[in-house]
Amino acid sequence: MSLDFERPIIKLKEIIDEIQKFMIENDLDLSSEIHVLEERLNKMQDEIYSNITPFQRVQIARLRNRR
């Protein structure tokens, strides 16, 4: 389960996973493209989590505690 503001992060992680699977299945080296996407993911996470509201912090805490 994810929160609305985390959806872009989850989508990008899914794309990275798909590319990694494709790379393995087709014996291709797409590591440079994956690296670029991982850097983008890190920046996105920093931006999103550094600008969350107090209520979003509560949502994260509640969600994480229920797992």
C-alpha atoms as a PDB file:
ATOM      1  CA  MET A   1       0.000   0.000   0.000  1.00  0.00           C
ATOM      2  CA  SER A   2       1.274   3.452  -0.809  1.00  0.00           C
ATOM      3  CA  LEU A   3       0.293   6.995  -0.125  1.00  0.00           C
ATOM      4  CA  ASP A   4      -0.725   9.367  -2.907  1.00  0.00           C
ATOM      5  CA  PHE A   5       2.422  11.471  -2.702  1.00  0.00           C
ATOM      6  CA  GLU A   6       4.600   8.343  -2.921  1.00  0.00           C
ATOM      7  CA  ARG A   7       3.105   7.101  -6.184  1.00  0.00           C
ATOM      8  CA  PRO A   8       5.702   8.758  -8.479  1.00  0.00           C
ATOM      9  CA  ILE A   9       8.442   7.037  -6.474  1.00  0.00           C
ATOM     10  CA  ILE A  10       6.757   3.673  -6.754  1.00  0.00           C
ATOM     11  CA  LYS A  11       6.154   4.076 -10.498  1.00  0.00           C
ATOM     12  CA  LEU A  12       9.802   4.928 -11.129  1.00  0.00           C
ATOM     13  CA  LYS A  13      10.924   1.932  -9.034  1.00  0.00           C
ATOM     14  CA  GLU A  14       8.665  -0.288 -11.126  1.00  0.00           C
ATOM     15  CA  ILE A  15      10.170   1.095 -14.335  1.00  0.00           C
ATOM     16  CA  ILE A  16      13.684   0.430 -13.042  1.00  0.00           C
ATOM     17  CA  ASP A  17      12.702  -3.134 -12.115  1.00  0.00           C
ATOM     18  CA  GLU A  18      11.200  -3.715 -15.560  1.00  0.00           C
ATOM     19  CA  ILE A  19      14.330  -2.457 -17.288  1.00  0.00           C
ATOM     20  CA  GLN A  20      16.513  -4.669 -15.100  1.00  0.00           C
ATOM     21  CA  LYS A  21      14.395  -7.716 -15.945  1.00  0.00           C
ATOM     22  CA  PHE A  22      14.498  -6.822 -19.635  1.00  0.00           C
ATOM     23  CA  MET A  23      18.251  -6.409 -19.434  1.00  0.00           C
ATOM     24  CA  ILE A  24      18.689  -9.864 -17.897  1.00  0.00           C
ATOM     25  CA  GLU A  25      16.222 -11.598 -20.202  1.00  0.00           C
ATOM     26  CA  ASN A  26      17.785 -10.128 -23.335  1.00  0.00           C
ATOM     27  CA  ASP A  27      21.414 -10.153 -22.240  1.00  0.00           C
ATOM     28  CA  LEU A  28      21.777  -6.389 -22.707  1.00  0.00           C
ATOM     29  CA  ASP A  29      23.803  -3.840 -20.808  1.00  0.00           C
ATOM     30  CA  LEU A  30      21.499  -1.011 -19.844  1.00  0.00           C
ATOM     31  CA  SER A  31      23.323  -0.207 -16.639  1.00  0.00           C
ATOM     32  CA  SER A  32      23.992   3.396 -17.627  1.00  0.00           C
ATOM     33  CA  GLU A  33      20.275   3.983 -18.224  1.00  0.00           C
ATOM     34  CA  ILE A  34      19.434   2.321 -14.918  1.00  0.00           C
ATOM     35  CA  HIS A  35      22.006   4.461 -13.171  1.00  0.00           C
ATOM     36  CA  VAL A  36      20.416   7.637 -14.569  1.00  0.00           C
ATOM     37  CA  LEU A  37      16.986   6.491 -13.426  1.00  0.00           C
ATOM     38  CA  GLU A  38      18.287   5.584  -9.965  1.00  0.00           C
ATOM     39  CA  GLU A  39      19.804   9.050  -9.610  1.00  0.00           C
ATOM     40  CA  ARG A  40      16.484  10.534 -10.668  1.00  0.00           C
ATOM     41  CA  LEU A  41      14.747   8.322  -8.106  1.00  0.00           C
ATOM     42  CA  ASN A  42      17.058   9.490  -5.328  1.00  0.00           C
ATOM     43  CA  LYS A  43      16.437  13.133  -6.201  1.00  0.00           C
ATOM     44  CA  MET A  44      12.697  12.532  -6.383  1.00  0.00           C
ATOM     45  CA  GLN A  45      12.688  10.863  -2.971  1.00  0.00           C
ATOM     46  CA  ASP A  46      14.705  13.714  -1.467  1.00  0.00           C
ATOM     47  CA  GLU A  47      12.344  16.305  -2.923  1.00  0.00           C
ATOM     48  CA  ILE A  48       9.156  14.526  -1.927  1.00  0.00           C
ATOM     49  CA  TYR A  49      10.165  13.543   1.598  1.00  0.00           C
ATOM     50  CA  SER A  50      11.780  16.898   2.403  1.00  0.00           C
ATOM     51  CA  ASN A  51       8.520  18.708   1.578  1.00  0.00           C
ATOM     52  CA  ILE A  52       5.910  16.555   3.276  1.00  0.00           C
ATOM     53  CA  THR A  53       3.314  18.044   5.552  1.00  0.00           C
ATOM     54  CA  PRO A  54       2.893  17.110   9.226  1.00  0.00           C
ATOM     55  CA  PHE A  55      -0.201  15.104   8.283  1.00  0.00           C
ATOM     56  CA  GLN A  56       1.761  13.179   5.650  1.00  0.00           C
ATOM     57  CA  ARG A  57       4.339  12.340   8.336  1.00  0.00           C
ATOM     58  CA  VAL A  58       1.551  10.878  10.439  1.00  0.00           C
ATOM     59  CA  GLN A  59       0.309   8.888   7.434  1.00  0.00           C
ATOM     60  CA  ILE A  60       3.800   7.463   6.876  1.00  0.00           C
ATOM     61  CA  ALA A  61       4.161   6.521  10.536  1.00  0.00           C
ATOM     62  CA  ARG A  62       0.774   4.834  10.619  1.00  0.00           C
ATOM     63  CA  LEU A  63       1.377   2.966   7.372  1.00  0.00           C
ATOM     64  CA  ARG A  64       4.829   1.754   8.415  1.00  0.00           C
ATOM     65  CA  ASN A  65       3.595   0.611  11.834  1.00  0.00           C
ATOM     66  CA  ARG A  66       0.853  -1.524  10.302  1.00  0.00           C
ATOM     67  CA  ARG A  67       3.162  -3.630   8.162  1.00  0.00           C
END
